[in-house]
Amino acid sequence: MEIAIIAHDGKKAEMVQFLNEHKTVLHQKNIKLIATGTTGTNAEKAGFEVTKYLSGPLGGDAQIAARVAEGKCNMVLFFRDPHEKHPHEPDITMLLRLCDVHNIPLATNLATAELLIQSI
């Protein structure tokens, strides 16, 4: 199973904490993590193996959206910061739309991510 992890700057620490709390499940289920650039770097520093794509503003959200459209990504955990403006909002919207189009589970906050991880 391939899970994409993405976190806006104000949520990156929360994403790493989430991954650490669920490290056992991720390893037991042999989850492959993919991520946008900086989120992936933070996850690697925490000891996770991650395939990194470009940073979100440089096209990483679009690269992950392409994996969703190709049927390669099975779940997206995207910790969004609703208090900040993001110059790459069209890419974010495209990713969210493609998750809906292809019926891919998508969490945009911690509570929903917890439910999705518990389901696998």
PDB file of N, CA and C in Angstrom:
ATOM      1  N   MET A   1       0.847  -1.173   0.000  1.00  0.00           N
ATOM      2  CA  MET A   1       0.000   0.000   0.000  1.00  0.00           C
ATOM      3  C   MET A   1       0.891   1.234   0.000  1.00  0.00           C
ATOM      4  N   GLU A   2       0.545   2.202  -0.823  1.00  0.00           N
ATOM      5  CA  GLU A   2       1.294   3.451  -0.916  1.00  0.00           C
ATOM      6  C   GLU A   2       0.471   4.577  -0.310  1.00  0.00           C
ATOM      7  N   ILE A   3       1.075   5.295   0.636  1.00  0.00           N
ATOM      8  CA  ILE A   3       0.415   6.425   1.280  1.00  0.00           C
ATOM      9  C   ILE A   3       1.249   7.673   1.038  1.00  0.00           C
ATOM     10  N   ALA A   4       0.586   8.722   0.559  1.00  0.00           N
ATOM     11  CA  ALA A   4       1.243  10.014   0.375  1.00  0.00           C
ATOM     12  C   ALA A   4       1.092  10.825   1.652  1.00  0.00           C
ATOM     13  N   ILE A   5       2.190  11.442   2.071  1.00  0.00           N
ATOM     14  CA  ILE A   5       2.151  12.350   3.217  1.00  0.00           C
ATOM     15  C   ILE A   5       2.581  13.740   2.752  1.00  0.00           C
ATOM     16  N   ILE A   6       1.765  14.709   3.109  1.00  0.00           N
ATOM     17  CA  ILE A   6       2.007  16.106   2.752  1.00  0.00           C
ATOM     18  C   ILE A   6       1.617  16.932   3.964  1.00  0.00           C
ATOM     19  N   ALA A   7       2.412  17.943   4.277  1.00  0.00           N
ATOM     20  CA  ALA A   7       2.063  18.826   5.386  1.00  0.00           C
ATOM     21  C   ALA A   7       2.548  20.235   5.085  1.00  0.00           C
ATOM     22  N   HIS A   8       1.661  21.183   5.270  1.00  0.00           N
ATOM     23  CA  HIS A   8       2.077  22.575   5.148  1.00  0.00           C
ATOM     24  C   HIS A   8       3.061  22.890   6.267  1.00  0.00           C
ATOM     25  N   ASP A   9       3.814  23.963   6.115  1.00  0.00           N
ATOM     26  CA  ASP A   9       4.892  24.283   7.057  1.00  0.00           C
ATOM     27  C   ASP A   9       4.438  24.276   8.516  1.00  0.00           C
ATOM     28  N   GLY A  10       3.281  24.837   8.792  1.00  0.00           N
ATOM     29  CA  GLY A  10       2.786  24.901  10.160  1.00  0.00           C
ATOM     30  C   GLY A  10       2.303  23.564  10.703  1.00  0.00           C
ATOM     31  N   LYS A  11       2.284  22.534   9.863  1.00  0.00           N
ATOM     32  CA  LYS A  11       1.781  21.212  10.259  1.00  0.00           C
ATOM     33  C   LYS A  11       2.826  20.104  10.129  1.00  0.00           C
ATOM     34  N   LYS A  12       4.036  20.441   9.733  1.00  0.00           N
ATOM     35  CA  LYS A  12       5.058  19.408   9.510  1.00  0.00           C
ATOM     36  C   LYS A  12       5.413  18.661  10.798  1.00  0.00           C
ATOM     37  N   ALA A  13       5.554  19.375  11.890  1.00  0.00           N
ATOM     38  CA  ALA A  13       5.875  18.714  13.163  1.00  0.00           C
ATOM     39  C   ALA A  13       4.741  17.782  13.575  1.00  0.00           C
ATOM     40  N   GLU A  14       3.513  18.196  13.330  1.00  0.00           N
ATOM     41  CA  GLU A  14       2.348  17.356  13.642  1.00  0.00           C
ATOM     42  C   GLU A  14       2.365  16.076  12.801  1.00  0.00           C
ATOM     43  N   MET A  15       2.779  16.188  11.539  1.00  0.00           N
ATOM     44  CA  MET A  15       2.868  15.013  10.668  1.00  0.00           C
ATOM     45  C   MET A  15       3.924  14.042  11.185  1.00  0.00           C
ATOM     46  N   VAL A  16       5.089  14.557  11.557  1.00  0.00           N
ATOM     47  CA  VAL A  16       6.155  13.682  12.064  1.00  0.00           C
ATOM     48  C   VAL A  16       5.698  13.001  13.352  1.00  0.00           C
ATOM     49  N   GLN A  17       5.046  13.731  14.215  1.00  0.00           N
ATOM     50  CA  GLN A  17       4.529  13.138  15.457  1.00  0.00           C
ATOM     51  C   GLN A  17       3.518  12.042  15.141  1.00  0.00           C
ATOM     52  N   PHE A  18       2.630  12.296  14.179  1.00  0.00           N
ATOM     53  CA  PHE A  18       1.643  11.297  13.759  1.00  0.00           C
ATOM     54  C   PHE A  18       2.340  10.036  13.255  1.00  0.00           C
ATOM     55  N   LEU A  19       3.347  10.205  12.412  1.00  0.00           N
ATOM     56  CA  LEU A  19       4.076   9.053  11.874  1.00  0.00           C
ATOM     57  C   LEU A  19       4.743   8.270  13.000  1.00  0.00           C
ATOM     58  N   ASN A  20       5.359   8.970  13.930  1.00  0.00           N
ATOM     59  CA  ASN A  20       6.008   8.294  15.055  1.00  0.00           C
ATOM     60  C   ASN A  20       5.008   7.512  15.900  1.00  0.00           C
ATOM     61  N   GLU A  21       3.835   8.067  16.106  1.00  0.00           N
ATOM     62  CA  GLU A  21       2.809   7.388  16.893  1.00  0.00           C
ATOM     63  C   GLU A  21       2.279   6.137  16.201  1.00  0.00           C
ATOM     64  N   HIS A  22       2.415   6.090  14.877  1.00  0.00           N
ATOM     65  CA  HIS A  22       1.882   4.967  14.107  1.00  0.00           C
ATOM     66  C   HIS A  22       2.970   4.174  13.393  1.00  0.00           C
ATOM     67  N   LYS A  23       4.189   4.309  13.882  1.00  0.00           N
ATOM     68  CA  LYS A  23       5.348   3.643  13.268  1.00  0.00           C
ATOM     69  C   LYS A  23       5.140   2.132  13.172  1.00  0.00           C
ATOM     70  N   THR A  24       4.618   1.521  14.232  1.00  0.00           N
ATOM     71  CA  THR A  24       4.427   0.067  14.253  1.00  0.00           C
ATOM     72  C   THR A  24       3.481  -0.375  13.152  1.00  0.00           C
ATOM     73  N   VAL A  25       2.356   0.288  13.019  1.00  0.00           N
ATOM     74  CA  VAL A  25       1.373  -0.067  11.982  1.00  0.00           C
ATOM     75  C   VAL A  25       1.973   0.112  10.599  1.00  0.00           C
ATOM     76  N   LEU A  26       2.675   1.215  10.385  1.00  0.00           N
ATOM     77  CA  LEU A  26       3.263   1.485   9.072  1.00  0.00           C
ATOM     78  C   LEU A  26       4.265   0.403   8.694  1.00  0.00           C
ATOM     79  N   HIS A  27       5.061  -0.055   9.661  1.00  0.00           N
ATOM     80  CA  HIS A  27       6.047  -1.101   9.379  1.00  0.00           C
ATOM     81  C   HIS A  27       5.387  -2.471   9.237  1.00  0.00           C
ATOM     82  N   GLN A  28       4.446  -2.785  10.118  1.00  0.00           N
ATOM     83  CA  GLN A  28       3.784  -4.098  10.063  1.00  0.00           C
ATOM     84  C   GLN A  28       3.024  -4.296   8.757  1.00  0.00           C
ATOM     85  N   LYS A  29       2.401  -3.253   8.281  1.00  0.00           N
ATOM     86  CA  LYS A  29       1.602  -3.343   7.058  1.00  0.00           C
ATOM     87  C   LYS A  29       2.430  -3.093   5.805  1.00  0.00           C
ATOM     88  N   ASN A  30       3.744  -2.890   5.988  1.00  0.00           N
ATOM     89  CA  ASN A  30       4.653  -2.678   4.861  1.00  0.00           C
ATOM     90  C   ASN A  30       4.199  -1.515   3.972  1.00  0.00           C
ATOM     91  N   ILE A  31       3.893  -0.393   4.608  1.00  0.00           N
ATOM     92  CA  ILE A  31       3.413   0.795   3.907  1.00  0.00           C
ATOM     93  C   ILE A  31       4.584   1.497   3.230  1.00  0.00           C
ATOM     94  N   LYS A  32       4.393   1.847   1.972  1.00  0.00           N
ATOM     95  CA  LYS A  32       5.373   2.655   1.247  1.00  0.00           C
ATOM     96  C   LYS A  32       4.924   4.107   1.372  1.00  0.00           C
ATOM     97  N   LEU A  33       5.798   4.950   1.904  1.00  0.00           N
ATOM     98  CA  LEU A  33       5.478   6.362   2.040  1.00  0.00           C
ATOM     99  C   LEU A  33       6.067   7.160   0.887  1.00  0.00           C
ATOM    100  N   ILE A  34       5.253   8.049   0.336  1.00  0.00           N
ATOM    101  CA  ILE A  34       5.737   9.031  -0.630  1.00  0.00           C
ATOM    102  C   ILE A  34       5.382  10.393  -0.051  1.00  0.00           C
ATOM    103  N   ALA A  35       6.124  11.410  -0.452  1.00  0.00           N
ATOM    104  CA  ALA A  35       5.904  12.722   0.152  1.00  0.00           C
ATOM    105  C   ALA A  35       6.386  13.841  -0.757  1.00  0.00           C
ATOM    106  N   THR A  36       5.850  15.022  -0.501  1.00  0.00           N
ATOM    107  CA  THR A  36       6.434  16.214  -1.094  1.00  0.00           C
ATOM    108  C   THR A  36       7.775  16.461  -0.411  1.00  0.00           C
ATOM    109  N   GLY A  37       8.613  17.263  -1.024  1.00  0.00           N
ATOM    110  CA  GLY A  37      10.008  17.404  -0.630  1.00  0.00           C
ATOM    111  C   GLY A  37      10.317  17.638   0.829  1.00  0.00           C
ATOM    112  N   THR A  38       9.867  18.743   1.378  1.00  0.00           N
ATOM    113  CA  THR A  38      10.233  19.080   2.752  1.00  0.00           C
ATOM    114  C   THR A  38       9.566  18.157   3.758  1.00  0.00           C
ATOM    115  N   THR A  39       8.320  17.785   3.512  1.00  0.00           N
ATOM    116  CA  THR A  39       7.657  16.827   4.401  1.00  0.00           C
ATOM    117  C   THR A  39       8.429  15.514   4.404  1.00  0.00           C
ATOM    118  N   GLY A  40       8.859  15.071   3.241  1.00  0.00           N
ATOM    119  CA  GLY A  40       9.634  13.842   3.140  1.00  0.00           C
ATOM    120  C   GLY A  40      10.970  13.930   3.866  1.00  0.00           C
ATOM    121  N   THR A  41      11.630  15.068   3.751  1.00  0.00           N
ATOM    122  CA  THR A  41      12.900  15.267   4.455  1.00  0.00           C
ATOM    123  C   THR A  41      12.689  15.188   5.962  1.00  0.00           C
ATOM    124  N   ASN A  42      11.629  15.816   6.459  1.00  0.00           N
ATOM    125  CA  ASN A  42      11.332  15.758   7.897  1.00  0.00           C
ATOM    126  C   ASN A  42      11.043  14.327   8.341  1.00  0.00           C
ATOM    127  N   ALA A  43      10.320  13.579   7.524  1.00  0.00           N
ATOM    128  CA  ALA A  43      10.015  12.182   7.858  1.00  0.00           C
ATOM    129  C   ALA A  43      11.284  11.337   7.850  1.00  0.00           C
ATOM    130  N   GLU A  44      12.163  11.589   6.902  1.00  0.00           N
ATOM    131  CA  GLU A  44      13.439  10.858   6.854  1.00  0.00           C
ATOM    132  C   GLU A  44      14.269  11.132   8.107  1.00  0.00           C
ATOM    133  N   LYS A  45      14.318  12.380   8.534  1.00  0.00           N
ATOM    134  CA  LYS A  45      15.078  12.740   9.737  1.00  0.00           C
ATOM    135  C   LYS A  45      14.524  12.014  10.965  1.00  0.00           C
ATOM    136  N   ALA A  46      13.232  11.665  10.922  1.00  0.00           N
ATOM    137  CA  ALA A  46      12.606  10.931  12.025  1.00  0.00           C
ATOM    138  C   ALA A  46      12.791   9.421  11.875  1.00  0.00           C
ATOM    139  N   GLY A  47      13.487   8.993  10.824  1.00  0.00           N
ATOM    140  CA  GLY A  47      13.803   7.584  10.664  1.00  0.00           C
ATOM    141  C   GLY A  47      12.919   6.817   9.700  1.00  0.00           C
ATOM    142  N   PHE A  48      12.097   7.501   8.926  1.00  0.00           N
ATOM    143  CA  PHE A  48      11.207   6.829   7.981  1.00  0.00           C
ATOM    144  C   PHE A  48      11.830   6.796   6.595  1.00  0.00           C
ATOM    145  N   GLU A  49      11.561   5.711   5.882  1.00  0.00           N
ATOM    146  CA  GLU A  49      11.983   5.608   4.488  1.00  0.00           C
ATOM    147  C   GLU A  49      10.877   6.210   3.637  1.00  0.00           C
ATOM    148  N   VAL A  50      11.239   7.193   2.829  1.00  0.00           N
ATOM    149  CA  VAL A  50      10.252   7.952   2.066  1.00  0.00           C
ATOM    150  C   VAL A  50      10.774   8.198   0.656  1.00  0.00           C
ATOM    151  N   THR A  51       9.899   8.036  -0.333  1.00  0.00           N
ATOM    152  CA  THR A  51      10.211   8.468  -1.688  1.00  0.00           C
ATOM    153  C   THR A  51       9.749   9.914  -1.796  1.00  0.00           C
ATOM    154  N   LYS A  52      10.693  10.811  -2.053  1.00  0.00           N
ATOM    155  CA  LYS A  52      10.380  12.237  -2.076  1.00  0.00           C
ATOM    156  C   LYS A  52      10.172  12.742  -3.503  1.00  0.00           C
ATOM    157  N   TYR A  53       9.210  13.611  -3.620  1.00  0.00           N
ATOM    158  CA  TYR A  53       8.955  14.335  -4.861  1.00  0.00           C
ATOM    159  C   TYR A  53       9.323  15.789  -4.625  1.00  0.00           C
ATOM    160  N   LEU A  54       9.026  16.638  -5.559  1.00  0.00           N
ATOM    161  CA  LEU A  54       9.335  18.055  -5.415  1.00  0.00           C
ATOM    162  C   LEU A  54       8.574  18.656  -4.240  1.00  0.00           C
ATOM    163  N   SER A  55       9.049  19.774  -3.765  1.00  0.00           N
ATOM    164  CA  SER A  55       8.322  20.545  -2.763  1.00  0.00           C
ATOM    165  C   SER A  55       6.974  20.942  -3.365  1.00  0.00           C
ATOM    166  N   GLY A  56       5.961  21.092  -2.516  1.00  0.00           N
ATOM    167  CA  GLY A  56       4.622  21.439  -2.992  1.00  0.00           C
ATOM    168  C   GLY A  56       4.590  22.626  -3.943  1.00  0.00           C
ATOM    169  N   PRO A  57       5.172  23.772  -3.566  1.00  0.00           N
ATOM    170  CA  PRO A  57       5.134  24.937  -4.452  1.00  0.00           C
ATOM    171  C   PRO A  57       5.878  24.743  -5.768  1.00  0.00           C
ATOM    172  N   LEU A  58       6.754  23.740  -5.825  1.00  0.00           N
ATOM    173  CA  LEU A  58       7.519  23.478  -7.053  1.00  0.00           C
ATOM    174  C   LEU A  58       6.911  22.369  -7.903  1.00  0.00           C
ATOM    175  N   GLY A  59       5.752  21.843  -7.495  1.00  0.00           N
ATOM    176  CA  GLY A  59       5.082  20.825  -8.296  1.00  0.00           C
ATOM    177  C   GLY A  59       4.876  19.489  -7.613  1.00  0.00           C
ATOM    178  N   GLY A  60       5.295  19.349  -6.373  1.00  0.00           N
ATOM    179  CA  GLY A  60       5.170  18.075  -5.669  1.00  0.00           C
ATOM    180  C   GLY A  60       3.732  17.623  -5.475  1.00  0.00           C
ATOM    181  N   ASP A  61       2.830  18.578  -5.200  1.00  0.00           N
ATOM    182  CA  ASP A  61       1.413  18.212  -5.065  1.00  0.00           C
ATOM    183  C   ASP A  61       0.890  17.644  -6.381  1.00  0.00           C
ATOM    184  N   ALA A  62       1.310  18.241  -7.486  1.00  0.00           N
ATOM    185  CA  ALA A  62       0.886  17.766  -8.807  1.00  0.00           C
ATOM    186  C   ALA A  62       1.474  16.386  -9.107  1.00  0.00           C
ATOM    187  N   GLN A  63       2.711  16.143  -8.684  1.00  0.00           N
ATOM    188  CA  GLN A  63       3.314  14.826  -8.903  1.00  0.00           C
ATOM    189  C   GLN A  63       2.549  13.748  -8.133  1.00  0.00           C
ATOM    190  N   ILE A  64       2.170  14.053  -6.908  1.00  0.00           N
ATOM    191  CA  ILE A  64       1.400  13.083  -6.130  1.00  0.00           C
ATOM    192  C   ILE A  64       0.014  12.915  -6.721  1.00  0.00           C
ATOM    193  N   ALA A  65      -0.586  14.005  -7.203  1.00  0.00           N
ATOM    194  CA  ALA A  65      -1.889  13.911  -7.873  1.00  0.00           C
ATOM    195  C   ALA A  65      -1.800  12.973  -9.075  1.00  0.00           C
ATOM    196  N   ALA A  66      -0.702  13.025  -9.803  1.00  0.00           N
ATOM    197  CA  ALA A  66      -0.524  12.138 -10.953  1.00  0.00           C
ATOM    198  C   ALA A  66      -0.497  10.677 -10.505  1.00  0.00           C
ATOM    199  N   ARG A  67       0.142  10.382  -9.375  1.00  0.00           N
ATOM    200  CA  ARG A  67       0.182   9.007  -8.863  1.00  0.00           C
ATOM    201  C   ARG A  67      -1.219   8.553  -8.456  1.00  0.00           C
ATOM    202  N   VAL A  68      -2.012   9.470  -7.914  1.00  0.00           N
ATOM    203  CA  VAL A  68      -3.406   9.149  -7.590  1.00  0.00           C
ATOM    204  C   VAL A  68      -4.149   8.797  -8.880  1.00  0.00           C
ATOM    205  N   ALA A  69      -4.004   9.628  -9.911  1.00  0.00           N
ATOM    206  CA  ALA A  69      -4.698   9.403 -11.179  1.00  0.00           C
ATOM    207  C   ALA A  69      -4.254   8.105 -11.844  1.00  0.00           C
ATOM    208  N   GLU A  70      -3.000   7.719 -11.657  1.00  0.00           N
ATOM    209  CA  GLU A  70      -2.471   6.485 -12.253  1.00  0.00           C
ATOM    210  C   GLU A  70      -2.836   5.245 -11.448  1.00  0.00           C
ATOM    211  N   GLY A  71      -3.474   5.430 -10.298  1.00  0.00           N
ATOM    212  CA  GLY A  71      -3.852   4.289  -9.470  1.00  0.00           C
ATOM    213  C   GLY A  71      -2.712   3.722  -8.641  1.00  0.00           C
ATOM    214  N   LYS A  72      -1.652   4.482  -8.447  1.00  0.00           N
ATOM    215  CA  LYS A  72      -0.488   4.002  -7.702  1.00  0.00           C
ATOM    216  C   LYS A  72      -0.542   4.371  -6.224  1.00  0.00           C
ATOM    217  N   CYS A  73      -1.187   5.465  -5.903  1.00  0.00           N
ATOM    218  CA  CYS A  73      -1.269   5.941  -4.519  1.00  0.00           C
ATOM    219  C   CYS A  73      -2.628   5.536  -3.950  1.00  0.00           C
ATOM    220  N   ASN A  74      -2.616   4.894  -2.783  1.00  0.00           N
ATOM    221  CA  ASN A  74      -3.833   4.334  -2.199  1.00  0.00           C
ATOM    222  C   ASN A  74      -4.477   5.182  -1.115  1.00  0.00           C
ATOM    223  N   MET A  75      -3.735   6.175  -0.599  1.00  0.00           N
ATOM    224  CA  MET A  75      -4.265   7.011   0.474  1.00  0.00           C
ATOM    225  C   MET A  75      -3.427   8.289   0.520  1.00  0.00           C
ATOM    226  N   VAL A  76      -4.074   9.400   0.875  1.00  0.00           N
ATOM    227  CA  VAL A  76      -3.363  10.669   1.007  1.00  0.00           C
ATOM    228  C   VAL A  76      -3.644  11.252   2.384  1.00  0.00           C
ATOM    229  N   LEU A  77      -2.563  11.557   3.097  1.00  0.00           N
ATOM    230  CA  LEU A  77      -2.644  12.252   4.379  1.00  0.00           C
ATOM    231  C   LEU A  77      -2.035  13.629   4.155  1.00  0.00           C
ATOM    232  N   PHE A  78      -2.875  14.640   4.136  1.00  0.00           N
ATOM    233  CA  PHE A  78      -2.459  15.994   3.790  1.00  0.00           C
ATOM    234  C   PHE A  78      -2.845  16.913   4.945  1.00  0.00           C
ATOM    235  N   PHE A  79      -1.892  17.186   5.817  1.00  0.00           N
ATOM    236  CA  PHE A  79      -2.159  18.071   6.950  1.00  0.00           C
ATOM    237  C   PHE A  79      -2.063  19.508   6.453  1.00  0.00           C
ATOM    238  N   ARG A  80      -3.224  20.088   6.189  1.00  0.00           N
ATOM    239  CA  ARG A  80      -3.309  21.437   5.635  1.00  0.00           C
ATOM    240  C   ARG A  80      -3.342  22.470   6.749  1.00  0.00           C
ATOM    241  N   ASP A  81      -2.785  23.624   6.473  1.00  0.00           N
ATOM    242  CA  ASP A  81      -2.843  24.739   7.409  1.00  0.00           C
ATOM    243  C   ASP A  81      -3.885  25.717   6.879  1.00  0.00           C
ATOM    244  N   PRO A  82      -5.084  25.718   7.473  1.00  0.00           N
ATOM    245  CA  PRO A  82      -6.157  26.568   6.954  1.00  0.00           C
ATOM    246  C   PRO A  82      -5.960  28.054   7.240  1.00  0.00           C
ATOM    247  N   HIS A  83      -4.949  28.388   8.036  1.00  0.00           N
ATOM    248  CA  HIS A  83      -4.728  29.787   8.410  1.00  0.00           C
ATOM    249  C   HIS A  83      -3.739  30.505   7.501  1.00  0.00           C
ATOM    250  N   GLU A  84      -3.153  29.792   6.569  1.00  0.00           N
ATOM    251  CA  GLU A  84      -2.147  30.380   5.690  1.00  0.00           C
ATOM    252  C   GLU A  84      -2.607  30.340   4.234  1.00  0.00           C
ATOM    253  N   LYS A  85      -2.141  31.318   3.456  1.00  0.00           N
ATOM    254  CA  LYS A  85      -2.371  31.306   2.017  1.00  0.00           C
ATOM    255  C   LYS A  85      -1.249  30.502   1.376  1.00  0.00           C
ATOM    256  N   HIS A  86      -1.583  29.803   0.306  1.00  0.00           N
ATOM    257  CA  HIS A  86      -0.597  28.965  -0.370  1.00  0.00           C
ATOM    258  C   HIS A  86      -0.593  29.307  -1.858  1.00  0.00           C
ATOM    259  N   PRO A  87       0.573  29.702  -2.378  1.00  0.00           N
ATOM    260  CA  PRO A  87       0.641  30.117  -3.782  1.00  0.00           C
ATOM    261  C   PRO A  87       0.334  28.988  -4.760  1.00  0.00           C
ATOM    262  N   HIS A  88       0.451  27.744  -4.313  1.00  0.00           N
ATOM    263  CA  HIS A  88       0.207  26.592  -5.182  1.00  0.00           C
ATOM    264  C   HIS A  88      -1.182  25.996  -4.931  1.00  0.00           C
ATOM    265  N   GLU A  89      -2.126  26.816  -4.517  1.00  0.00           N
ATOM    266  CA  GLU A  89      -3.488  26.360  -4.215  1.00  0.00           C
ATOM    267  C   GLU A  89      -4.136  25.614  -5.395  1.00  0.00           C
ATOM    268  N   PRO A  90      -3.904  26.022  -6.657  1.00  0.00           N
ATOM    269  CA  PRO A  90      -4.489  25.238  -7.752  1.00  0.00           C
ATOM    270  C   PRO A  90      -4.011  23.780  -7.773  1.00  0.00           C
ATOM    271  N   ASP A  91      -2.749  23.542  -7.440  1.00  0.00           N
ATOM    272  CA  ASP A  91      -2.242  22.167  -7.382  1.00  0.00           C
ATOM    273  C   ASP A  91      -2.892  21.395  -6.235  1.00  0.00           C
ATOM    274  N   ILE A  92      -3.078  22.070  -5.106  1.00  0.00           N
ATOM    275  CA  ILE A  92      -3.719  21.438  -3.953  1.00  0.00           C
ATOM    276  C   ILE A  92      -5.151  21.057  -4.305  1.00  0.00           C
ATOM    277  N   THR A  93      -5.861  21.983  -4.927  1.00  0.00           N
ATOM    278  CA  THR A  93      -7.250  21.724  -5.331  1.00  0.00           C
ATOM    279  C   THR A  93      -7.314  20.557  -6.310  1.00  0.00           C
ATOM    280  N   MET A  94      -6.359  20.491  -7.229  1.00  0.00           N
ATOM    281  CA  MET A  94      -6.325  19.391  -8.195  1.00  0.00           C
ATOM    282  C   MET A  94      -6.127  18.058  -7.477  1.00  0.00           C
ATOM    283  N   LEU A  95      -5.220  18.018  -6.506  1.00  0.00           N
ATOM    284  CA  LEU A  95      -4.976  16.789  -5.758  1.00  0.00           C
ATOM    285  C   LEU A  95      -6.235  16.349  -5.017  1.00  0.00           C
ATOM    286  N   LEU A  96      -6.885  17.270  -4.344  1.00  0.00           N
ATOM    287  CA  LEU A  96      -8.112  16.937  -3.616  1.00  0.00           C
ATOM    288  C   LEU A  96      -9.195  16.440  -4.572  1.00  0.00           C
ATOM    289  N   ARG A  97      -9.322  17.092  -5.708  1.00  0.00           N
ATOM    290  CA  ARG A  97     -10.314  16.689  -6.707  1.00  0.00           C
ATOM    291  C   ARG A  97     -10.030  15.284  -7.237  1.00  0.00           C
ATOM    292  N   LEU A  98      -8.773  14.996  -7.526  1.00  0.00           N
ATOM    293  CA  LEU A  98      -8.427  13.673  -8.057  1.00  0.00           C
ATOM    294  C   LEU A  98      -8.645  12.576  -7.020  1.00  0.00           C
ATOM    295  N   CYS A  99      -8.441  12.885  -5.754  1.00  0.00           N
ATOM    296  CA  CYS A  99      -8.773  11.902  -4.716  1.00  0.00           C
ATOM    297  C   CYS A  99     -10.259  11.584  -4.756  1.00  0.00           C
ATOM    298  N   ASP A 100     -11.081  12.604  -4.957  1.00  0.00           N
ATOM    299  CA  ASP A 100     -12.526  12.384  -5.069  1.00  0.00           C
ATOM    300  C   ASP A 100     -12.880  11.614  -6.339  1.00  0.00           C
ATOM    301  N   VAL A 101     -12.290  11.999  -7.454  1.00  0.00           N
ATOM    302  CA  VAL A 101     -12.579  11.352  -8.735  1.00  0.00           C
ATOM    303  C   VAL A 101     -12.228   9.860  -8.693  1.00  0.00           C
ATOM    304  N   HIS A 102     -11.084   9.547  -8.082  1.00  0.00           N
ATOM    305  CA  HIS A 102     -10.588   8.166  -8.071  1.00  0.00           C
ATOM    306  C   HIS A 102     -10.889   7.421  -6.774  1.00  0.00           C
ATOM    307  N   ASN A 103     -11.724   8.034  -5.940  1.00  0.00           N
ATOM    308  CA  ASN A 103     -12.192   7.400  -4.704  1.00  0.00           C
ATOM    309  C   ASN A 103     -11.029   6.969  -3.798  1.00  0.00           C
ATOM    310  N   ILE A 104     -10.080   7.881  -3.620  1.00  0.00           N
ATOM    311  CA  ILE A 104      -8.901   7.637  -2.784  1.00  0.00           C
ATOM    312  C   ILE A 104      -9.145   8.253  -1.409  1.00  0.00           C
ATOM    313  N   PRO A 105      -8.981   7.477  -0.345  1.00  0.00           N
ATOM    314  CA  PRO A 105      -9.151   8.044   0.995  1.00  0.00           C
ATOM    315  C   PRO A 105      -8.199   9.222   1.207  1.00  0.00           C
ATOM    316  N   LEU A 106      -8.744  10.307   1.746  1.00  0.00           N
ATOM    317  CA  LEU A 106      -7.994  11.547   1.925  1.00  0.00           C
ATOM    318  C   LEU A 106      -8.275  12.122   3.302  1.00  0.00           C
ATOM    319  N   ALA A 107      -7.215  12.376   4.051  1.00  0.00           N
ATOM    320  CA  ALA A 107      -7.343  13.049   5.341  1.00  0.00           C
ATOM    321  C   ALA A 107      -6.665  14.404   5.229  1.00  0.00           C
ATOM    322  N   THR A 108      -7.360  15.450   5.642  1.00  0.00           N
ATOM    323  CA  THR A 108      -6.763  16.785   5.627  1.00  0.00           C
ATOM    324  C   THR A 108      -6.548  17.316   7.039  1.00  0.00           C
ATOM    325  N   ASN A 109      -6.759  16.449   8.028  1.00  0.00           N
ATOM    326  CA  ASN A 109      -6.514  16.849   9.415  1.00  0.00           C
ATOM    327  C   ASN A 109      -6.169  15.611  10.238  1.00  0.00           C
ATOM    328  N   LEU A 110      -5.695  15.838  11.437  1.00  0.00           N
ATOM    329  CA  LEU A 110      -5.230  14.759  12.304  1.00  0.00           C
ATOM    330  C   LEU A 110      -6.334  13.764  12.644  1.00  0.00           C
ATOM    331  N   ALA A 111      -7.517  14.250  12.967  1.00  0.00           N
ATOM    332  CA  ALA A 111      -8.603  13.351  13.377  1.00  0.00           C
ATOM    333  C   ALA A 111      -8.953  12.354  12.272  1.00  0.00           C
ATOM    334  N   THR A 112      -9.037  12.833  11.047  1.00  0.00           N
ATOM    335  CA  THR A 112      -9.373  11.955   9.930  1.00  0.00           C
ATOM    336  C   THR A 112      -8.214  11.005   9.618  1.00  0.00           C
ATOM    337  N   ALA A 113      -6.991  11.494   9.731  1.00  0.00           N
ATOM    338  CA  ALA A 113      -5.825  10.632   9.505  1.00  0.00           C
ATOM    339  C   ALA A 113      -5.805   9.478  10.507  1.00  0.00           C
ATOM    340  N   GLU A 114      -6.152   9.771  11.746  1.00  0.00           N
ATOM    341  CA  GLU A 114      -6.217   8.716  12.770  1.00  0.00           C
ATOM    342  C   GLU A 114      -7.211   7.629  12.355  1.00  0.00           C
ATOM    343  N   LEU A 115      -8.371   8.029  11.883  1.00  0.00           N
ATOM    344  CA  LEU A 115      -9.383   7.068  11.459  1.00  0.00           C
ATOM    345  C   LEU A 115      -8.904   6.242  10.268  1.00  0.00           C
ATOM    346  N   LEU A 116      -8.262   6.884   9.319  1.00  0.00           N
ATOM    347  CA  LEU A 116      -7.774   6.149   8.143  1.00  0.00           C
ATOM    348  C   LEU A 116      -6.696   5.142   8.518  1.00  0.00           C
ATOM    349  N   ILE A 117      -5.757   5.538   9.360  1.00  0.00           N
ATOM    350  CA  ILE A 117      -4.683   4.615   9.755  1.00  0.00           C
ATOM    351  C   ILE A 117      -5.260   3.435  10.538  1.00  0.00           C
ATOM    352  N   GLN A 118      -6.247   3.683  11.369  1.00  0.00           N
ATOM    353  CA  GLN A 118      -6.862   2.598  12.134  1.00  0.00           C
ATOM    354  C   GLN A 118      -7.573   1.612  11.208  1.00  0.00           C
ATOM    355  N   SER A 119      -7.953   2.052  10.014  1.00  0.00           N
ATOM    356  CA  SER A 119      -8.714   1.190   9.100  1.00  0.00           C
ATOM    357  C   SER A 119      -7.846   0.217   8.328  1.00  0.00           C
ATOM    358  N   ILE A 120      -6.526   0.410   8.337  1.00  0.00           N
ATOM    359  CA  ILE A 120      -5.675  -0.485   7.521  1.00  0.00           C
ATOM    360  C   ILE A 120      -5.103  -1.637   8.314  1.00  0.00           C
TER     361      ILE A 120
END
